[in-house]
All heavy atoms as atom14 arrays in JSON, in Angstrom:
{
  "sequence": "DSILGTVTAMKNYGKAADALTGELRIAIPDTLLTY",
  "atom14_mask": [
    [1, 1, 1, 1, 1, 1, 1, 1, 0, 0, 0, 0, 0, 0],
    [1, 1, 1, 1, 1, 1, 0, 0, 0, 0, 0, 0, 0, 0],
    [1, 1, 1, 1, 1, 1, 1, 1, 0, 0, 0, 0, 0, 0],
    [1, 1, 1, 1, 1, 1, 1, 1, 0, 0, 0, 0, 0, 0],
    [1, 1, 1, 1, 0, 0, 0, 0, 0, 0, 0, 0, 0, 0],
    [1, 1, 1, 1, 1, 1, 1, 0, 0, 0, 0, 0, 0, 0],
    [1, 1, 1, 1, 1, 1, 1, 0, 0, 0, 0, 0, 0, 0],
    [1, 1, 1, 1, 1, 1, 1, 0, 0, 0, 0, 0, 0, 0],
    [1, 1, 1, 1, 1, 0, 0, 0, 0, 0, 0, 0, 0, 0],
    [1, 1, 1, 1, 1, 1, 1, 1, 0, 0, 0, 0, 0, 0],
    [1, 1, 1, 1, 1, 1, 1, 1, 1, 0, 0, 0, 0, 0],
    [1, 1, 1, 1, 1, 1, 1, 1, 0, 0, 0, 0, 0, 0],
    [1, 1, 1, 1, 1, 1, 1, 1, 1, 1, 1, 1, 0, 0],
    [1, 1, 1, 1, 0, 0, 0, 0, 0, 0, 0, 0, 0, 0],
    [1, 1, 1, 1, 1, 1, 1, 1, 1, 0, 0, 0, 0, 0],
    [1, 1, 1, 1, 1, 0, 0, 0, 0, 0, 0, 0, 0, 0],
    [1, 1, 1, 1, 1, 0, 0, 0, 0, 0, 0, 0, 0, 0],
    [1, 1, 1, 1, 1, 1, 1, 1, 0, 0, 0, 0, 0, 0],
    [1, 1, 1, 1, 1, 0, 0, 0, 0, 0, 0, 0, 0, 0],
    [1, 1, 1, 1, 1, 1, 1, 1, 0, 0, 0, 0, 0, 0],
    [1, 1, 1, 1, 1, 1, 1, 0, 0, 0, 0, 0, 0, 0],
    [1, 1, 1, 1, 0, 0, 0, 0, 0, 0, 0, 0, 0, 0],
    [1, 1, 1, 1, 1, 1, 1, 1, 1, 0, 0, 0, 0, 0],
    [1, 1, 1, 1, 1, 1, 1, 1, 0, 0, 0, 0, 0, 0],
    [1, 1, 1, 1, 1, 1, 1, 1, 1, 1, 1, 0, 0, 0],
    [1, 1, 1, 1, 1, 1, 1, 1, 0, 0, 0, 0, 0, 0],
    [1, 1, 1, 1, 1, 0, 0, 0, 0, 0, 0, 0, 0, 0],
    [1, 1, 1, 1, 1, 1, 1, 1, 0, 0, 0, 0, 0, 0],
    [1, 1, 1, 1, 1, 1, 1, 0, 0, 0, 0, 0, 0, 0],
    [1, 1, 1, 1, 1, 1, 1, 1, 0, 0, 0, 0, 0, 0],
    [1, 1, 1, 1, 1, 1, 1, 0, 0, 0, 0, 0, 0, 0],
    [1, 1, 1, 1, 1, 1, 1, 1, 0, 0, 0, 0, 0, 0],
    [1, 1, 1, 1, 1, 1, 1, 1, 0, 0, 0, 0, 0, 0],
    [1, 1, 1, 1, 1, 1, 1, 0, 0, 0, 0, 0, 0, 0],
    [1, 1, 1, 1, 1, 1, 1, 1, 1, 1, 1, 1, 0, 0]
  ],
  "atom14_positions": [
    [[-10.63, 5.1, -18.65], [-10.17, 5.21, -17.27], [-11.19, 4.6, -16.32], [-10.83, 3.92, -15.35], [-9.92, 6.68, -16.93], [-9.35, 6.86, -15.54], [-8.27, 6.3, -15.27], [-9.98, 7.55, -14.73], [0.0, 0.0, 0.0], [0.0, 0.0, 0.0], [0.0, 0.0, 0.0], [0.0, 0.0, 0.0], [0.0, 0.0, 0.0], [0.0, 0.0, 0.0]],
    [[-12.47, 4.83, -16.59], [-13.52, 4.28, -15.74], [-13.54, 2.75, -15.8], [-13.7, 2.08, -14.77], [-14.88, 4.83, -16.19], [-15.92, 4.3, -15.4], [0.0, 0.0, 0.0], [0.0, 0.0, 0.0], [0.0, 0.0, 0.0], [0.0, 0.0, 0.0], [0.0, 0.0, 0.0], [0.0, 0.0, 0.0], [0.0, 0.0, 0.0], [0.0, 0.0, 0.0]],
    [[-13.37, 2.18, -17.0], [-13.33, 0.72, -17.15], [-12.17, 0.13, -16.37], [-12.32, -0.85, -15.62], [-13.23, 0.34, -18.64], [-14.52, 0.71, -19.37], [-12.95, -1.16, -18.8], [-14.41, 0.63, -20.88], [0.0, 0.0, 0.0], [0.0, 0.0, 0.0], [0.0, 0.0, 0.0], [0.0, 0.0, 0.0], [0.0, 0.0, 0.0], [0.0, 0.0, 0.0]],
    [[-10.99, 0.72, -16.54], [-9.81, 0.2, -15.85], [-9.94, 0.37, -14.33], [-9.5, -0.49, -13.56], [-8.55, 0.91, -16.35], [-8.2, 0.64, -17.82], [-6.99, 1.47, -18.25], [-7.92, -0.84, -18.05], [0.0, 0.0, 0.0], [0.0, 0.0, 0.0], [0.0, 0.0, 0.0], [0.0, 0.0, 0.0], [0.0, 0.0, 0.0], [0.0, 0.0, 0.0]],
    [[-10.58, 1.46, -13.91], [-10.83, 1.65, -12.48], [-11.76, 0.6, -11.93], [-11.57, 0.1, -10.81], [0.0, 0.0, 0.0], [0.0, 0.0, 0.0], [0.0, 0.0, 0.0], [0.0, 0.0, 0.0], [0.0, 0.0, 0.0], [0.0, 0.0, 0.0], [0.0, 0.0, 0.0], [0.0, 0.0, 0.0], [0.0, 0.0, 0.0], [0.0, 0.0, 0.0]],
    [[-12.78, 0.23, -12.7], [-13.72, -0.8, -12.27], [-13.04, -2.15, -12.16], [-13.29, -2.91, -11.21], [-14.9, -0.89, -13.27], [-15.56, 0.38, -13.33], [-15.89, -1.95, -12.83], [0.0, 0.0, 0.0], [0.0, 0.0, 0.0], [0.0, 0.0, 0.0], [0.0, 0.0, 0.0], [0.0, 0.0, 0.0], [0.0, 0.0, 0.0], [0.0, 0.0, 0.0]],
    [[-12.15, -2.46, -13.11], [-11.4, -3.71, -13.06], [-10.55, -3.77, -11.79], [-10.51, -4.79, -11.08], [-10.51, -3.87, -14.32], [-9.56, -5.05, -14.17], [-11.38, -4.04, -15.55], [0.0, 0.0, 0.0], [0.0, 0.0, 0.0], [0.0, 0.0, 0.0], [0.0, 0.0, 0.0], [0.0, 0.0, 0.0], [0.0, 0.0, 0.0], [0.0, 0.0, 0.0]],
    [[-9.87, -2.65, -11.48], [-9.06, -2.59, -10.27], [-9.92, -2.76, -9.02], [-9.55, -3.47, -8.08], [-8.29, -1.25, -10.2], [-7.44, -1.14, -11.33], [-7.45, -1.16, -8.93], [0.0, 0.0, 0.0], [0.0, 0.0, 0.0], [0.0, 0.0, 0.0], [0.0, 0.0, 0.0], [0.0, 0.0, 0.0], [0.0, 0.0, 0.0], [0.0, 0.0, 0.0]],
    [[-11.08, -2.11, -9.02], [-11.98, -2.21, -7.87], [-12.45, -3.64, -7.66], [-12.56, -4.11, -6.52], [-13.17, -1.28, -8.07], [0.0, 0.0, 0.0], [0.0, 0.0, 0.0], [0.0, 0.0, 0.0], [0.0, 0.0, 0.0], [0.0, 0.0, 0.0], [0.0, 0.0, 0.0], [0.0, 0.0, 0.0], [0.0, 0.0, 0.0], [0.0, 0.0, 0.0]],
    [[-12.74, -4.35, -8.73], [-13.17, -5.75, -8.64], [-12.06, -6.62, -8.05], [-12.32, -7.48, -7.21], [-13.58, -6.27, -10.01], [-14.85, -5.63, -10.57], [-15.16, -6.06, -12.3], [-15.47, -7.83, -12.14], [0.0, 0.0, 0.0], [0.0, 0.0, 0.0], [0.0, 0.0, 0.0], [0.0, 0.0, 0.0], [0.0, 0.0, 0.0], [0.0, 0.0, 0.0]],
    [[-10.82, -6.35, -8.46], [-9.69, -7.12, -7.93], [-9.46, -6.84, -6.45], [-8.96, -7.69, -5.71], [-8.43, -6.79, -8.72], [-8.43, -7.31, -10.15], [-7.14, -6.94, -10.88], [-7.13, -7.48, -12.29], [-5.88, -7.1, -13.02], [0.0, 0.0, 0.0], [0.0, 0.0, 0.0], [0.0, 0.0, 0.0], [0.0, 0.0, 0.0], [0.0, 0.0, 0.0]],
    [[-9.83, -5.61, -6.01], [-9.6, -5.22, -4.62], [-10.81, -5.44, -3.72], [-10.77, -5.09, -2.54], [-9.19, -3.74, -4.55], [-7.76, -3.52, -5.01], [-6.9, -4.36, -4.75], [-7.51, -2.42, -5.7], [0.0, 0.0, 0.0], [0.0, 0.0, 0.0], [0.0, 0.0, 0.0], [0.0, 0.0, 0.0], [0.0, 0.0, 0.0], [0.0, 0.0, 0.0]],
    [[-11.88, -5.99, -4.27], [-13.12, -6.14, -3.49], [-12.88, -6.95, -2.22], [-12.34, -8.05, -2.24], [-14.2, -6.82, -4.32], [-15.5, -7.0, -3.57], [-16.37, -5.94, -3.38], [-15.83, -8.23, -3.02], [-17.54, -6.09, -2.67], [-17.0, -8.4, -2.31], [-17.85, -7.32, -2.14], [-19.01, -7.48, -1.42], [0.0, 0.0, 0.0], [0.0, 0.0, 0.0]],
    [[-13.27, -6.36, -1.1], [-13.19, -7.04, 0.18], [-11.81, -7.1, 0.8], [-11.63, -7.66, 1.88], [0.0, 0.0, 0.0], [0.0, 0.0, 0.0], [0.0, 0.0, 0.0], [0.0, 0.0, 0.0], [0.0, 0.0, 0.0], [0.0, 0.0, 0.0], [0.0, 0.0, 0.0], [0.0, 0.0, 0.0], [0.0, 0.0, 0.0], [0.0, 0.0, 0.0]],
    [[-10.81, -6.5, 0.15], [-9.44, -6.56, 0.67], [-9.2, -5.46, 1.7], [-9.74, -4.36, 1.59], [-8.43, -6.41, -0.46], [-8.37, -7.59, -1.42], [-7.3, -7.36, -2.48], [-7.22, -8.53, -3.44], [-6.19, -8.3, -4.49], [0.0, 0.0, 0.0], [0.0, 0.0, 0.0], [0.0, 0.0, 0.0], [0.0, 0.0, 0.0], [0.0, 0.0, 0.0]],
    [[-8.36, -5.76, 2.67], [-7.91, -4.74, 3.62], [-6.92, -3.82, 2.92], [-6.39, -4.14, 1.84], [-7.27, -5.41, 4.83], [0.0, 0.0, 0.0], [0.0, 0.0, 0.0], [0.0, 0.0, 0.0], [0.0, 0.0, 0.0], [0.0, 0.0, 0.0], [0.0, 0.0, 0.0], [0.0, 0.0, 0.0], [0.0, 0.0, 0.0], [0.0, 0.0, 0.0]],
    [[-6.65, -2.66, 3.54], [-5.76, -1.66, 2.91], [-4.4, -2.24, 2.56], [-3.87, -1.96, 1.48], [-5.59, -0.47, 3.85], [0.0, 0.0, 0.0], [0.0, 0.0, 0.0], [0.0, 0.0, 0.0], [0.0, 0.0, 0.0], [0.0, 0.0, 0.0], [0.0, 0.0, 0.0], [0.0, 0.0, 0.0], [0.0, 0.0, 0.0], [0.0, 0.0, 0.0]],
    [[-3.85, -3.09, 3.43], [-2.5, -3.6, 3.17], [-2.47, -4.67, 2.08], [-1.4, -5.13, 1.69], [-1.86, -4.13, 4.46], [-2.68, -5.25, 5.1], [-3.75, -5.6, 4.56], [-2.25, -5.77, 6.14], [0.0, 0.0, 0.0], [0.0, 0.0, 0.0], [0.0, 0.0, 0.0], [0.0, 0.0, 0.0], [0.0, 0.0, 0.0], [0.0, 0.0, 0.0]],
    [[-3.65, -5.06, 1.58], [-3.71, -6.06, 0.51], [-4.15, -5.44, -0.82], [-4.29, -6.15, -1.81], [-4.67, -7.19, 0.89], [0.0, 0.0, 0.0], [0.0, 0.0, 0.0], [0.0, 0.0, 0.0], [0.0, 0.0, 0.0], [0.0, 0.0, 0.0], [0.0, 0.0, 0.0], [0.0, 0.0, 0.0], [0.0, 0.0, 0.0], [0.0, 0.0, 0.0]],
    [[-4.39, -4.14, -0.85], [-4.84, -3.48, -2.07], [-3.76, -3.53, -3.15], [-2.56, -3.43, -2.86], [-5.21, -2.02, -1.8], [-6.39, -1.77, -0.86], [-6.57, -0.28, -0.63], [-7.67, -2.38, -1.42], [0.0, 0.0, 0.0], [0.0, 0.0, 0.0], [0.0, 0.0, 0.0], [0.0, 0.0, 0.0], [0.0, 0.0, 0.0], [0.0, 0.0, 0.0]],
    [[-4.19, -3.67, -4.4], [-3.26, -3.64, -5.54], [-3.79, -2.66, -6.58], [-4.94, -2.23, -6.53], [-3.14, -5.03, -6.18], [-4.44, -5.45, -6.62], [-2.57, -6.04, -5.2], [0.0, 0.0, 0.0], [0.0, 0.0, 0.0], [0.0, 0.0, 0.0], [0.0, 0.0, 0.0], [0.0, 0.0, 0.0], [0.0, 0.0, 0.0], [0.0, 0.0, 0.0]],
    [[-2.93, -2.32, -7.53], [-3.34, -1.42, -8.6], [-2.44, -0.21, -8.66], [-1.38, -0.15, -8.02], [0.0, 0.0, 0.0], [0.0, 0.0, 0.0], [0.0, 0.0, 0.0], [0.0, 0.0, 0.0], [0.0, 0.0, 0.0], [0.0, 0.0, 0.0], [0.0, 0.0, 0.0], [0.0, 0.0, 0.0], [0.0, 0.0, 0.0], [0.0, 0.0, 0.0]],
    [[-2.86, 0.78, -9.44], [-2.08, 1.99, -9.66], [-2.95, 3.21, -9.36], [-4.12, 3.25, -9.72], [-1.58, 2.07, -11.1], [-0.73, 3.31, -11.39], [-0.32, 3.4, -12.86], [-1.03, 2.83, -13.7], [0.7, 4.05, -13.13], [0.0, 0.0, 0.0], [0.0, 0.0, 0.0], [0.0, 0.0, 0.0], [0.0, 0.0, 0.0], [0.0, 0.0, 0.0]],
    [[-2.37, 4.17, -8.68], [-3.05, 5.44, -8.42], [-2.2, 6.55, -9.02], [-1.02, 6.7, -8.68], [-3.22, 5.64, -6.92], [-4.08, 6.83, -6.49], [-5.51, 6.67, -6.99], [-4.08, 6.98, -4.97], [0.0, 0.0, 0.0], [0.0, 0.0, 0.0], [0.0, 0.0, 0.0], [0.0, 0.0, 0.0], [0.0, 0.0, 0.0], [0.0, 0.0, 0.0]],
    [[-2.8, 7.33, -9.92], [-2.06, 8.37, -10.65], [-2.45, 9.74, -10.12], [-3.63, 10.11, -10.13], [-2.38, 8.26, -12.14], [-2.02, 6.91, -12.74], [-2.72, 6.69, -14.07], [-4.16, 6.79, -13.89], [-5.0, 7.19, -14.85], [-4.54, 7.54, -16.03], [-6.3, 7.24, -14.63], [0.0, 0.0, 0.0], [0.0, 0.0, 0.0], [0.0, 0.0, 0.0]],
    [[-1.45, 10.49, -9.65], [-1.7, 11.76, -8.99], [-0.84, 12.84, -9.62], [0.36, 12.65, -9.84], [-1.37, 11.67, -7.48], [-2.09, 10.47, -6.86], [-1.75, 12.96, -6.76], [-1.61, 10.14, -5.47], [0.0, 0.0, 0.0], [0.0, 0.0, 0.0], [0.0, 0.0, 0.0], [0.0, 0.0, 0.0], [0.0, 0.0, 0.0], [0.0, 0.0, 0.0]],
    [[-1.45, 13.99, -9.91], [-0.71, 15.15, -10.43], [-0.58, 16.17, -9.3], [-1.57, 16.52, -8.64], [-1.43, 15.76, -11.62], [0.0, 0.0, 0.0], [0.0, 0.0, 0.0], [0.0, 0.0, 0.0], [0.0, 0.0, 0.0], [0.0, 0.0, 0.0], [0.0, 0.0, 0.0], [0.0, 0.0, 0.0], [0.0, 0.0, 0.0], [0.0, 0.0, 0.0]],
    [[0.64, 16.67, -9.08], [0.94, 17.56, -7.96], [1.97, 18.6, -8.41], [2.91, 18.25, -9.13], [1.53, 16.79, -6.76], [0.79, 15.47, -6.51], [1.52, 17.64, -5.5], [1.42, 14.62, -5.42], [0.0, 0.0, 0.0], [0.0, 0.0, 0.0], [0.0, 0.0, 0.0], [0.0, 0.0, 0.0], [0.0, 0.0, 0.0], [0.0, 0.0, 0.0]],
    [[1.85, 19.85, -8.0], [2.9, 20.83, -8.31], [4.14, 20.58, -7.46], [4.07, 19.95, -6.39], [2.25, 22.18, -7.97], [1.22, 21.85, -6.94], [0.71, 20.49, -7.29], [0.0, 0.0, 0.0], [0.0, 0.0, 0.0], [0.0, 0.0, 0.0], [0.0, 0.0, 0.0], [0.0, 0.0, 0.0], [0.0, 0.0, 0.0], [0.0, 0.0, 0.0]],
    [[5.25, 21.11, -7.92], [6.56, 20.89, -7.29], [6.56, 21.23, -5.8], [7.02, 20.44, -4.97], [7.6, 21.73, -8.03], [9.02, 21.51, -7.52], [9.23, 20.58, -6.71], [9.93, 22.26, -7.93], [0.0, 0.0, 0.0], [0.0, 0.0, 0.0], [0.0, 0.0, 0.0], [0.0, 0.0, 0.0], [0.0, 0.0, 0.0], [0.0, 0.0, 0.0]],
    [[6.05, 22.4, -5.44], [6.15, 22.83, -4.04], [5.41, 21.9, -3.09], [5.91, 21.55, -2.02], [5.63, 24.27, -3.87], [4.34, 24.37, -4.49], [6.58, 25.27, -4.5], [0.0, 0.0, 0.0], [0.0, 0.0, 0.0], [0.0, 0.0, 0.0], [0.0, 0.0, 0.0], [0.0, 0.0, 0.0], [0.0, 0.0, 0.0], [0.0, 0.0, 0.0]],
    [[4.2, 21.49, -3.46], [3.43, 20.58, -2.6], [4.08, 19.19, -2.56], [4.18, 18.58, -1.5], [1.99, 20.47, -3.08], [1.07, 21.64, -2.75], [-0.29, 21.46, -3.4], [0.91, 21.81, -1.23], [0.0, 0.0, 0.0], [0.0, 0.0, 0.0], [0.0, 0.0, 0.0], [0.0, 0.0, 0.0], [0.0, 0.0, 0.0], [0.0, 0.0, 0.0]],
    [[4.51, 18.7, -3.72], [5.12, 17.38, -3.76], [6.39, 17.32, -2.93], [6.61, 16.38, -2.17], [5.43, 17.0, -5.21], [6.14, 15.66, -5.43], [5.35, 14.51, -4.85], [6.42, 15.43, -6.91], [0.0, 0.0, 0.0], [0.0, 0.0, 0.0], [0.0, 0.0, 0.0], [0.0, 0.0, 0.0], [0.0, 0.0, 0.0], [0.0, 0.0, 0.0]],
    [[7.21, 18.35, -3.04], [8.51, 18.34, -2.38], [8.43, 18.65, -0.89], [9.12, 18.02, -0.08], [9.46, 19.35, -3.06], [9.54, 19.04, -4.45], [10.86, 19.3, -2.45], [0.0, 0.0, 0.0], [0.0, 0.0, 0.0], [0.0, 0.0, 0.0], [0.0, 0.0, 0.0], [0.0, 0.0, 0.0], [0.0, 0.0, 0.0], [0.0, 0.0, 0.0]],
    [[7.56, 19.6, -0.51], [7.62, 20.12, 0.85], [6.41, 19.78, 1.73], [6.44, 20.05, 2.93], [7.79, 21.64, 0.81], [9.02, 22.07, 0.06], [8.93, 22.53, -1.25], [10.27, 21.99, 0.65], [10.06, 22.91, -1.94], [11.4, 22.36, -0.03], [11.3, 22.82, -1.35], [12.44, 23.18, -2.03], [0.0, 0.0, 0.0], [0.0, 0.0, 0.0]]
  ]
}
């Protein structure tokens, strides 16, 4: 995960927020996700 994160960070170096690429994986319980 750390290696893949570093690769993503290198691809996003110097980019503004609207130009960022990659995947962000988030775990959330039903109530928070829905409401």
